[in-house]
Amino acid sequence: MLTFLLWLILAVLAWPLAVVALLLYPLLWLLALPFRLVGISLQAVLDLVGAVIRLPARLLGAGKRSRG
């Protein structure tokens, strides 16, 4: 919503620039898509490595709290 409001302000102040931004936004989104996918994949790999490292402690019960 904020992006749309900023675009409306830009359209009022400088409409040619707003039209160019409107046309270039999908292209920039497509160019950024591979970087997002790499980031998601890297985050998944790091989460997996962290889970494997913490697995022995979880199996031994280090994460359990005593109930009493």
N, C-alpha and C. Protein backbone atom coordinates (compact mmCIF):
# COMPACT_ATOMS: atom_id res chain seq x y z
N MET A 1 0.83 -1.19 0.00
CA MET A 1 0.00 0.00 0.00
C MET A 1 0.88 1.26 0.00
N LEU A 2 1.94 1.21 0.79
CA LEU A 2 2.85 2.36 0.85
C LEU A 2 3.52 2.58 -0.50
N THR A 3 3.88 1.49 -1.17
CA THR A 3 4.51 1.62 -2.48
C THR A 3 3.55 2.28 -3.48
N PHE A 4 2.30 1.89 -3.41
CA PHE A 4 1.31 2.48 -4.31
C PHE A 4 1.12 3.97 -4.03
N LEU A 5 1.08 4.34 -2.77
CA LEU A 5 0.95 5.76 -2.41
C LEU A 5 2.16 6.57 -2.87
N LEU A 6 3.35 5.99 -2.71
CA LEU A 6 4.55 6.68 -3.19
C LEU A 6 4.53 6.82 -4.71
N TRP A 7 4.02 5.78 -5.39
CA TRP A 7 3.93 5.88 -6.85
C TRP A 7 2.92 6.95 -7.26
N LEU A 8 1.81 7.07 -6.54
CA LEU A 8 0.83 8.11 -6.84
C LEU A 8 1.42 9.51 -6.66
N ILE A 9 2.20 9.69 -5.60
CA ILE A 9 2.86 10.98 -5.39
C ILE A 9 3.83 11.26 -6.53
N LEU A 10 4.58 10.23 -6.94
CA LEU A 10 5.50 10.40 -8.06
C LEU A 10 4.74 10.71 -9.34
N ALA A 11 3.58 10.08 -9.53
CA ALA A 11 2.77 10.33 -10.73
C ALA A 11 2.28 11.77 -10.79
N VAL A 12 1.98 12.33 -9.63
CA VAL A 12 1.53 13.73 -9.60
C VAL A 12 2.69 14.68 -9.84
N LEU A 13 3.85 14.38 -9.25
CA LEU A 13 4.98 15.30 -9.35
C LEU A 13 5.74 15.17 -10.67
N ALA A 14 5.94 13.94 -11.12
CA ALA A 14 6.71 13.73 -12.35
C ALA A 14 6.14 12.51 -13.06
N TRP A 15 5.11 12.70 -13.86
CA TRP A 15 4.42 11.56 -14.46
C TRP A 15 5.26 10.75 -15.44
N PRO A 16 6.19 11.38 -16.20
CA PRO A 16 6.99 10.52 -17.09
C PRO A 16 7.88 9.54 -16.31
N LEU A 17 8.42 10.01 -15.20
CA LEU A 17 9.23 9.14 -14.37
C LEU A 17 8.39 8.02 -13.75
N ALA A 18 7.16 8.34 -13.40
CA ALA A 18 6.26 7.33 -12.84
C ALA A 18 5.92 6.26 -13.89
N VAL A 19 5.74 6.66 -15.12
CA VAL A 19 5.44 5.69 -16.18
C VAL A 19 6.65 4.79 -16.43
N VAL A 20 7.85 5.37 -16.42
CA VAL A 20 9.06 4.57 -16.60
C VAL A 20 9.21 3.59 -15.44
N ALA A 21 8.95 4.05 -14.23
CA ALA A 21 9.04 3.16 -13.06
C ALA A 21 8.01 2.04 -13.16
N LEU A 22 6.84 2.35 -13.64
CA LEU A 22 5.79 1.35 -13.80
C LEU A 22 6.18 0.30 -14.83
N LEU A 23 6.87 0.71 -15.88
CA LEU A 23 7.28 -0.23 -16.92
C LEU A 23 8.52 -1.04 -16.53
N LEU A 24 9.41 -0.45 -15.74
CA LEU A 24 10.64 -1.14 -15.37
C LEU A 24 10.47 -2.06 -14.16
N TYR A 25 9.44 -1.87 -13.35
CA TYR A 25 9.27 -2.65 -12.13
C TYR A 25 9.19 -4.16 -12.41
N PRO A 26 8.40 -4.62 -13.38
CA PRO A 26 8.38 -6.08 -13.64
C PRO A 26 9.73 -6.62 -14.11
N LEU A 27 10.46 -5.83 -14.89
CA LEU A 27 11.78 -6.26 -15.34
C LEU A 27 12.75 -6.40 -14.17
N LEU A 28 12.75 -5.44 -13.28
CA LEU A 28 13.61 -5.51 -12.11
C LEU A 28 13.22 -6.67 -11.20
N TRP A 29 11.92 -6.93 -11.09
CA TRP A 29 11.45 -8.05 -10.27
C TRP A 29 11.95 -9.37 -10.85
N LEU A 30 11.91 -9.50 -12.19
CA LEU A 30 12.41 -10.72 -12.82
C LEU A 30 13.92 -10.87 -12.67
N LEU A 31 14.64 -9.77 -12.70
CA LEU A 31 16.10 -9.83 -12.52
C LEU A 31 16.47 -10.20 -11.09
N ALA A 32 15.66 -9.80 -10.12
CA ALA A 32 15.96 -10.08 -8.72
C ALA A 32 15.52 -11.48 -8.30
N LEU A 33 14.68 -12.13 -9.08
CA LEU A 33 14.14 -13.43 -8.71
C LEU A 33 15.21 -14.50 -8.49
N PRO A 34 16.22 -14.64 -9.33
CA PRO A 34 17.26 -15.66 -9.05
C PRO A 34 17.99 -15.41 -7.73
N PHE A 35 18.23 -14.15 -7.39
CA PHE A 35 18.90 -13.86 -6.13
C PHE A 35 18.04 -14.24 -4.94
N ARG A 36 16.72 -14.05 -5.05
CA ARG A 36 15.82 -14.47 -3.99
C ARG A 36 15.83 -15.98 -3.84
N LEU A 37 15.82 -16.69 -4.97
CA LEU A 37 15.84 -18.15 -4.91
C LEU A 37 17.14 -18.67 -4.30
N VAL A 38 18.26 -18.05 -4.63
CA VAL A 38 19.53 -18.44 -4.02
C VAL A 38 19.50 -18.17 -2.52
N GLY A 39 18.93 -17.05 -2.12
CA GLY A 39 18.83 -16.73 -0.69
C GLY A 39 17.97 -17.72 0.06
N ILE A 40 16.85 -18.11 -0.53
CA ILE A 40 15.97 -19.09 0.12
C ILE A 40 16.69 -20.44 0.23
N SER A 41 17.38 -20.84 -0.82
CA SER A 41 18.11 -22.11 -0.81
C SER A 41 19.24 -22.09 0.22
N LEU A 42 19.97 -21.01 0.28
CA LEU A 42 21.06 -20.90 1.24
C LEU A 42 20.54 -20.93 2.67
N GLN A 43 19.43 -20.27 2.92
CA GLN A 43 18.83 -20.28 4.25
C GLN A 43 18.40 -21.70 4.63
N ALA A 44 17.84 -22.45 3.69
CA ALA A 44 17.44 -23.82 3.95
C ALA A 44 18.65 -24.70 4.27
N VAL A 45 19.73 -24.54 3.53
CA VAL A 45 20.94 -25.32 3.78
C VAL A 45 21.52 -24.99 5.15
N LEU A 46 21.56 -23.72 5.50
CA LEU A 46 22.08 -23.34 6.81
C LEU A 46 21.20 -23.84 7.95
N ASP A 47 19.90 -23.85 7.76
CA ASP A 47 19.00 -24.41 8.76
C ASP A 47 19.22 -25.91 8.92
N LEU A 48 19.44 -26.61 7.81
CA LEU A 48 19.70 -28.04 7.86
C LEU A 48 21.01 -28.33 8.59
N VAL A 49 22.04 -27.57 8.29
CA VAL A 49 23.33 -27.78 8.96
C VAL A 49 23.19 -27.51 10.46
N GLY A 50 22.47 -26.47 10.83
CA GLY A 50 22.26 -26.18 12.24
C GLY A 50 21.48 -27.27 12.94
N ALA A 51 20.48 -27.83 12.26
CA ALA A 51 19.71 -28.92 12.86
C ALA A 51 20.57 -30.16 13.04
N VAL A 52 21.44 -30.45 12.09
CA VAL A 52 22.32 -31.61 12.21
C VAL A 52 23.31 -31.41 13.34
N ILE A 53 23.81 -30.21 13.50
CA ILE A 53 24.76 -29.94 14.58
C ILE A 53 24.08 -30.06 15.95
N ARG A 54 22.84 -29.62 16.05
CA ARG A 54 22.13 -29.68 17.34
C ARG A 54 21.47 -31.03 17.62
N LEU A 55 21.49 -31.94 16.65
CA LEU A 55 20.81 -33.21 16.82
C LEU A 55 21.32 -34.03 18.01
N PRO A 56 22.64 -34.20 18.21
CA PRO A 56 23.08 -35.00 19.35
C PRO A 56 22.59 -34.44 20.70
N ALA A 57 22.60 -33.15 20.85
CA ALA A 57 22.14 -32.56 22.10
C ALA A 57 20.64 -32.78 22.28
N ARG A 58 19.89 -32.73 21.22
CA ARG A 58 18.45 -32.98 21.32
C ARG A 58 18.17 -34.43 21.66
N LEU A 59 18.96 -35.34 21.10
CA LEU A 59 18.77 -36.76 21.39
C LEU A 59 19.11 -37.10 22.83
N LEU A 60 20.10 -36.40 23.38
CA LEU A 60 20.51 -36.65 24.77
C LEU A 60 19.61 -35.93 25.77
N GLY A 61 18.71 -35.11 25.29
CA GLY A 61 17.75 -34.47 26.17
C GLY A 61 18.20 -33.15 26.75
N ALA A 62 19.12 -32.48 26.12
CA ALA A 62 19.59 -31.20 26.65
C ALA A 62 18.53 -30.12 26.53
N GLY A 63 17.58 -30.29 25.63
CA GLY A 63 16.56 -29.27 25.44
C GLY A 63 15.34 -29.46 26.33
N LYS A 64 15.28 -30.57 27.09
CA LYS A 64 14.12 -30.83 27.94
C LYS A 64 14.23 -30.06 29.25
N ARG A 65 13.12 -29.58 29.72
CA ARG A 65 13.09 -28.90 31.01
C ARG A 65 12.46 -29.83 32.03
N SER A 66 12.93 -29.76 33.24
CA SER A 66 12.38 -30.62 34.28
C SER A 66 11.01 -30.11 34.71
N ARG A 67 10.10 -31.03 34.84
CA ARG A 67 8.75 -30.68 35.29
C ARG A 67 8.65 -30.99 36.76
N GLY A 68 8.24 -30.01 37.49
CA GLY A 68 8.20 -30.32 38.91
C GLY A 68 7.51 -29.34 39.67
